Amino acid sequence: MELSYILKLRNALKPEYRHMPIFQSGSAIIVENENKEILLEEKIDRNVWCLPGGLQELGETFEEVAIRELYEETGLQAKKEDLTLIDVISGESRKDKYPNGDEVYNNTVLYVVSKYTGKLNCDYEEITDKNDGKFVIQKESKDLKFFNINNLPKNLMDKDSIQRYIEYRNKE
């Protein structure tokens, strides 16, 4: 597992600049099951539920990010032609602060998919910056679960993205 270029960049900075806000681009994906429930993952490091998704790697398209992150974080596979673009979300609602103190503004391309294959699996591990000069490899998620849109967990991230999805669904 390679250390991401974002972590390499932050660690190259003087300590007083390592946590300054930066822009990040990536994708998130809403997975619908046959009952129109949506898939959420519970993050280990924050005890919150969120959508599968993540950062764009150099040279990747946003569709490729969504497909890769979906597989890494859930074990599910989707094809580019089965993704539907919902919106591009940016601004204050996408501001985030990681447990290690890093601040970011995420520019997120949001997709929805209802055609997918595979079996749910949350064993994916990632490199985590412990903010003490050490990096550890740990599981990213502790649970995956489909939720009715009217009965979402209280400790929920990505509320702005889910609201855009609800607006998208209401237009159909």
C-alpha atoms as a PDB file:
ATOM      1  CA  MET A   1       0.000   0.000   0.000  1.00  0.00           C
ATOM      2  CA  GLU A   2       1.561   3.280  -1.140  1.00  0.00           C
ATOM      3  CA  LEU A   3       1.527   6.473   0.891  1.00  0.00           C
ATOM      4  CA  SER A   4      -0.813   8.898  -0.894  1.00  0.00           C
ATOM      5  CA  TYR A   5       0.578  11.973  -2.569  1.00  0.00           C
ATOM      6  CA  ILE A   6      -1.565  14.157  -0.251  1.00  0.00           C
ATOM      7  CA  LEU A   7       0.121  12.670   2.841  1.00  0.00           C
ATOM      8  CA  LYS A   8       3.535  13.028   1.177  1.00  0.00           C
ATOM      9  CA  LEU A   9       2.791  16.664   0.373  1.00  0.00           C
ATOM     10  CA  ARG A  10       1.582  17.485   3.882  1.00  0.00           C
ATOM     11  CA  ASN A  11       4.617  15.824   5.471  1.00  0.00           C
ATOM     12  CA  ALA A  12       6.974  17.820   3.230  1.00  0.00           C
ATOM     13  CA  LEU A  13       5.627  21.047   4.761  1.00  0.00           C
ATOM     14  CA  LYS A  14       6.913  22.755   7.874  1.00  0.00           C
ATOM     15  CA  PRO A  15       4.966  21.515  10.916  1.00  0.00           C
ATOM     16  CA  GLU A  16       3.107  24.820  11.322  1.00  0.00           C
ATOM     17  CA  TYR A  17       1.658  24.433   7.794  1.00  0.00           C
ATOM     18  CA  ARG A  18       0.821  20.704   7.788  1.00  0.00           C
ATOM     19  CA  HIS A  19      -2.821  21.101   8.771  1.00  0.00           C
ATOM     20  CA  MET A  20      -3.725  24.189   6.745  1.00  0.00           C
ATOM     21  CA  PRO A  21      -6.865  23.810   4.614  1.00  0.00           C
ATOM     22  CA  ILE A  22      -6.387  22.382   1.123  1.00  0.00           C
ATOM     23  CA  PHE A  23      -8.733  21.479  -1.718  1.00  0.00           C
ATOM     24  CA  GLN A  24      -9.347  17.815  -2.501  1.00  0.00           C
ATOM     25  CA  SER A  25     -11.247  16.384  -5.452  1.00  0.00           C
ATOM     26  CA  GLY A  26     -13.018  13.072  -5.399  1.00  0.00           C
ATOM     27  CA  SER A  27     -16.216  11.139  -5.838  1.00  0.00           C
ATOM     28  CA  ALA A  28     -18.927   9.670  -3.663  1.00  0.00           C
ATOM     29  CA  ILE A  29     -21.447   7.065  -4.694  1.00  0.00           C
ATOM     30  CA  ILE A  30     -24.935   6.308  -3.486  1.00  0.00           C
ATOM     31  CA  VAL A  31     -25.728   2.621  -3.847  1.00  0.00           C
ATOM     32  CA  GLU A  32     -29.432   1.802  -3.990  1.00  0.00           C
ATOM     33  CA  ASN A  33     -30.745  -1.686  -3.320  1.00  0.00           C
ATOM     34  CA  GLU A  34     -34.000  -3.088  -4.732  1.00  0.00           C
ATOM     35  CA  ASN A  35     -35.959  -1.398  -1.901  1.00  0.00           C
ATOM     36  CA  LYS A  36     -34.425   2.034  -2.712  1.00  0.00           C
ATOM     37  CA  GLU A  37     -32.453   1.904   0.554  1.00  0.00           C
ATOM     38  CA  ILE A  38     -29.002   3.472   0.416  1.00  0.00           C
ATOM     39  CA  LEU A  39     -25.712   1.952   1.497  1.00  0.00           C
ATOM     40  CA  LEU A  40     -23.709   3.682   4.227  1.00  0.00           C
ATOM     41  CA  GLU A  41     -20.415   2.752   5.830  1.00  0.00           C
ATOM     42  CA  GLU A  42     -19.470   3.349   9.437  1.00  0.00           C
ATOM     43  CA  LYS A  43     -15.961   4.796   9.736  1.00  0.00           C
ATOM     44  CA  ILE A  44     -13.631   3.403  12.385  1.00  0.00           C
ATOM     45  CA  ASP A  45     -11.751   6.634  13.102  1.00  0.00           C
ATOM     46  CA  ARG A  46     -14.806   8.844  13.635  1.00  0.00           C
ATOM     47  CA  ASN A  47     -17.753   6.626  14.572  1.00  0.00           C
ATOM     48  CA  VAL A  48     -19.876   8.216  11.851  1.00  0.00           C
ATOM     49  CA  TRP A  49     -21.843   6.832   8.910  1.00  0.00           C
ATOM     50  CA  CYS A  50     -21.048   8.131   5.429  1.00  0.00           C
ATOM     51  CA  LEU A  51     -21.274   7.375   1.732  1.00  0.00           C
ATOM     52  CA  PRO A  52     -18.622   5.267   0.035  1.00  0.00           C
ATOM     53  CA  GLY A  53     -16.175   7.531  -1.747  1.00  0.00           C
ATOM     54  CA  GLY A  54     -12.774   9.068  -1.682  1.00  0.00           C
ATOM     55  CA  LEU A  55     -10.048  11.099  -3.296  1.00  0.00           C
ATOM     56  CA  GLN A  56      -9.095  11.221  -6.919  1.00  0.00           C
ATOM     57  CA  GLU A  57      -5.705   9.729  -7.692  1.00  0.00           C
ATOM     58  CA  LEU A  58      -3.488  11.305 -10.331  1.00  0.00           C
ATOM     59  CA  GLY A  59      -4.814  10.553 -13.820  1.00  0.00           C
ATOM     60  CA  GLU A  60      -8.168   9.113 -12.667  1.00  0.00           C
ATOM     61  CA  THR A  61     -11.547  10.197 -13.962  1.00  0.00           C
ATOM     62  CA  PHE A  62     -14.289  10.875 -11.425  1.00  0.00           C
ATOM     63  CA  GLU A  63     -16.145   7.780 -12.631  1.00  0.00           C
ATOM     64  CA  GLU A  64     -13.025   5.693 -12.016  1.00  0.00           C
ATOM     65  CA  VAL A  65     -12.733   7.148  -8.501  1.00  0.00           C
ATOM     66  CA  ALA A  66     -16.348   6.210  -7.704  1.00  0.00           C
ATOM     67  CA  ILE A  67     -15.925   2.674  -9.048  1.00  0.00           C
ATOM     68  CA  ARG A  68     -12.570   2.105  -7.278  1.00  0.00           C
ATOM     69  CA  GLU A  69     -13.718   3.519  -3.954  1.00  0.00           C
ATOM     70  CA  LEU A  70     -16.960   1.529  -4.109  1.00  0.00           C
ATOM     71  CA  TYR A  71     -14.979  -1.677  -4.530  1.00  0.00           C
ATOM     72  CA  GLU A  72     -12.294  -0.841  -1.941  1.00  0.00           C
ATOM     73  CA  GLU A  73     -14.739   0.244   0.748  1.00  0.00           C
ATOM     74  CA  THR A  74     -17.648  -2.145   0.162  1.00  0.00           C
ATOM     75  CA  GLY A  75     -16.557  -5.064  -2.023  1.00  0.00           C
ATOM     76  CA  LEU A  76     -19.230  -4.118  -4.579  1.00  0.00           C
ATOM     77  CA  GLN A  77     -18.469  -3.583  -8.251  1.00  0.00           C
ATOM     78  CA  ALA A  78     -20.177  -1.245 -10.704  1.00  0.00           C
ATOM     79  CA  LYS A  79     -19.624  -0.336 -14.335  1.00  0.00           C
ATOM     80  CA  LYS A  80     -19.160   3.173 -15.674  1.00  0.00           C
ATOM     81  CA  GLU A  81     -22.265   2.918 -17.844  1.00  0.00           C
ATOM     82  CA  ASP A  82     -24.399   2.129 -14.772  1.00  0.00           C
ATOM     83  CA  LEU A  83     -23.381   5.296 -12.899  1.00  0.00           C
ATOM     84  CA  THR A  84     -25.724   8.288 -12.969  1.00  0.00           C
ATOM     85  CA  LEU A  85     -24.326  11.727 -12.175  1.00  0.00           C
ATOM     86  CA  ILE A  86     -26.386  13.519  -9.540  1.00  0.00           C
ATOM     87  CA  ASP A  87     -24.364  16.682  -8.889  1.00  0.00           C
ATOM     88  CA  VAL A  88     -21.009  18.266  -8.124  1.00  0.00           C
ATOM     89  CA  ILE A  89     -20.911  19.488  -4.532  1.00  0.00           C
ATOM     90  CA  SER A  90     -18.438  22.039  -3.176  1.00  0.00           C
ATOM     91  CA  GLY A  91     -18.229  24.922  -0.737  1.00  0.00           C
ATOM     92  CA  GLU A  92     -18.584  25.228   3.028  1.00  0.00           C
ATOM     93  CA  SER A  93     -20.786  22.136   3.327  1.00  0.00           C
ATOM     94  CA  ARG A  94     -17.823  20.062   2.127  1.00  0.00           C
ATOM     95  CA  LYS A  95     -15.367  21.429   4.720  1.00  0.00           C
ATOM     96  CA  ASP A  96     -13.945  18.654   6.870  1.00  0.00           C
ATOM     97  CA  LYS A  97     -11.352  18.165   9.581  1.00  0.00           C
ATOM     98  CA  TYR A  98      -9.688  14.789   9.965  1.00  0.00           C
ATOM     99  CA  PRO A  99      -8.892  13.287  13.378  1.00  0.00           C
ATOM    100  CA  ASN A 100      -5.186  14.127  12.860  1.00  0.00           C
ATOM    101  CA  GLY A 101      -6.027  17.848  12.420  1.00  0.00           C
ATOM    102  CA  ASP A 102      -5.813  18.110   8.620  1.00  0.00           C
ATOM    103  CA  GLU A 103      -8.416  20.524   7.220  1.00  0.00           C
ATOM    104  CA  VAL A 104      -9.846  20.129   3.734  1.00  0.00           C
ATOM    105  CA  TYR A 105     -12.480  21.422   1.378  1.00  0.00           C
ATOM    106  CA  ASN A 106     -13.753  18.508  -0.686  1.00  0.00           C
ATOM    107  CA  ASN A 107     -15.014  19.014  -4.219  1.00  0.00           C
ATOM    108  CA  THR A 108     -17.181  15.931  -4.633  1.00  0.00           C
ATOM    109  CA  VAL A 109     -18.729  14.456  -7.756  1.00  0.00           C
ATOM    110  CA  LEU A 110     -21.798  12.515  -6.603  1.00  0.00           C
ATOM    111  CA  TYR A 111     -23.129   9.449  -8.432  1.00  0.00           C
ATOM    112  CA  VAL A 112     -25.910   6.956  -7.857  1.00  0.00           C
ATOM    113  CA  VAL A 113     -25.926   3.311  -8.924  1.00  0.00           C
ATOM    114  CA  SER A 114     -28.534   0.592  -8.556  1.00  0.00           C
ATOM    115  CA  LYS A 115     -26.903  -2.062 -10.754  1.00  0.00           C
ATOM    116  CA  TYR A 116     -23.894  -3.671  -9.073  1.00  0.00           C
ATOM    117  CA  THR A 117     -22.354  -7.046  -8.268  1.00  0.00           C
ATOM    118  CA  GLY A 118     -20.315  -8.501  -5.436  1.00  0.00           C
ATOM    119  CA  LYS A 119     -20.695  -9.184  -1.762  1.00  0.00           C
ATOM    120  CA  LEU A 120     -20.517  -6.565   0.994  1.00  0.00           C
ATOM    121  CA  ASN A 121     -17.113  -6.551   2.669  1.00  0.00           C
ATOM    122  CA  CYS A 122     -15.549  -3.884   4.908  1.00  0.00           C
ATOM    123  CA  ASP A 123     -12.058  -5.378   5.276  1.00  0.00           C
ATOM    124  CA  TYR A 124     -10.297  -2.670   3.231  1.00  0.00           C
ATOM    125  CA  GLU A 125      -7.272  -1.164   4.994  1.00  0.00           C
ATOM    126  CA  GLU A 126      -5.732   2.258   4.421  1.00  0.00           C
ATOM    127  CA  ILE A 127      -2.671   4.169   5.549  1.00  0.00           C
ATOM    128  CA  THR A 128      -3.586   6.542   8.367  1.00  0.00           C
ATOM    129  CA  ASP A 129      -1.528   9.508   9.548  1.00  0.00           C
ATOM    130  CA  LYS A 130      -1.381   9.487  13.356  1.00  0.00           C
ATOM    131  CA  ASN A 131       0.094  13.027  13.359  1.00  0.00           C
ATOM    132  CA  ASP A 132       3.133  11.928  15.348  1.00  0.00           C
ATOM    133  CA  GLY A 133       5.426  11.154  12.434  1.00  0.00           C
ATOM    134  CA  LYS A 134       4.019   7.632  12.265  1.00  0.00           C
ATOM    135  CA  PHE A 135       1.671   5.999   9.800  1.00  0.00           C
ATOM    136  CA  VAL A 136      -0.353   2.887  10.464  1.00  0.00           C
ATOM    137  CA  ILE A 137      -2.354   0.564   8.283  1.00  0.00           C
ATOM    138  CA  GLN A 138      -5.845   0.061   9.662  1.00  0.00           C
ATOM    139  CA  LYS A 139      -9.309  -0.886   8.537  1.00  0.00           C
ATOM    140  CA  GLU A 140     -11.280   2.080   7.236  1.00  0.00           C
ATOM    141  CA  SER A 141     -14.797   0.892   8.036  1.00  0.00           C
ATOM    142  CA  LYS A 142     -16.371  -1.192  10.757  1.00  0.00           C
ATOM    143  CA  ASP A 143     -19.815  -1.745   9.245  1.00  0.00           C
ATOM    144  CA  LEU A 144     -21.796  -1.513   6.010  1.00  0.00           C
ATOM    145  CA  LYS A 145     -25.560  -1.297   6.039  1.00  0.00           C
ATOM    146  CA  PHE A 146     -28.480  -0.295   3.817  1.00  0.00           C
ATOM    147  CA  PHE A 147     -30.760   2.373   5.313  1.00  0.00           C
ATOM    148  CA  ASN A 148     -34.211   3.621   4.451  1.00  0.00           C
ATOM    149  CA  ILE A 149     -33.853   7.266   3.442  1.00  0.00           C
ATOM    150  CA  ASN A 150     -36.437   8.188   6.116  1.00  0.00           C
ATOM    151  CA  ASN A 151     -34.559   6.346   8.878  1.00  0.00           C
ATOM    152  CA  LEU A 152     -30.916   7.390   8.610  1.00  0.00           C
ATOM    153  CA  PRO A 153     -28.490   7.168  11.546  1.00  0.00           C
ATOM    154  CA  LYS A 154     -28.057  10.224  13.775  1.00  0.00           C
ATOM    155  CA  ASN A 155     -24.239  10.270  13.490  1.00  0.00           C
ATOM    156  CA  LEU A 156     -24.289  10.956   9.742  1.00  0.00           C
ATOM    157  CA  MET A 157     -21.720  12.668   7.531  1.00  0.00           C
ATOM    158  CA  ASP A 158     -22.458  13.623   3.927  1.00  0.00           C
ATOM    159  CA  LYS A 159     -25.835  15.147   4.796  1.00  0.00           C
ATOM    160  CA  ASP A 160     -25.432  17.617   1.927  1.00  0.00           C
ATOM    161  CA  SER A 161     -24.816  14.805  -0.562  1.00  0.00           C
ATOM    162  CA  ILE A 162     -27.751  12.764   0.694  1.00  0.00           C
ATOM    163  CA  GLN A 163     -29.991  15.845   0.468  1.00  0.00           C
ATOM    164  CA  ARG A 164     -28.950  16.293  -3.194  1.00  0.00           C
ATOM    165  CA  TYR A 165     -29.809  12.640  -3.780  1.00  0.00           C
ATOM    166  CA  ILE A 166     -33.266  13.134  -2.206  1.00  0.00           C
ATOM    167  CA  GLU A 167     -33.864  16.182  -4.422  1.00  0.00           C
ATOM    168  CA  TYR A 168     -32.732  14.163  -7.447  1.00  0.00           C
ATOM    169  CA  ARG A 169     -35.119  11.305  -6.577  1.00  0.00           C
ATOM    170  CA  ASN A 170     -38.030  13.726  -5.998  1.00  0.00           C
ATOM    171  CA  LYS A 171     -37.602  15.093  -9.558  1.00  0.00           C
ATOM    172  CA  GLU A 172     -38.163  11.644 -11.103  1.00  0.00           C
END
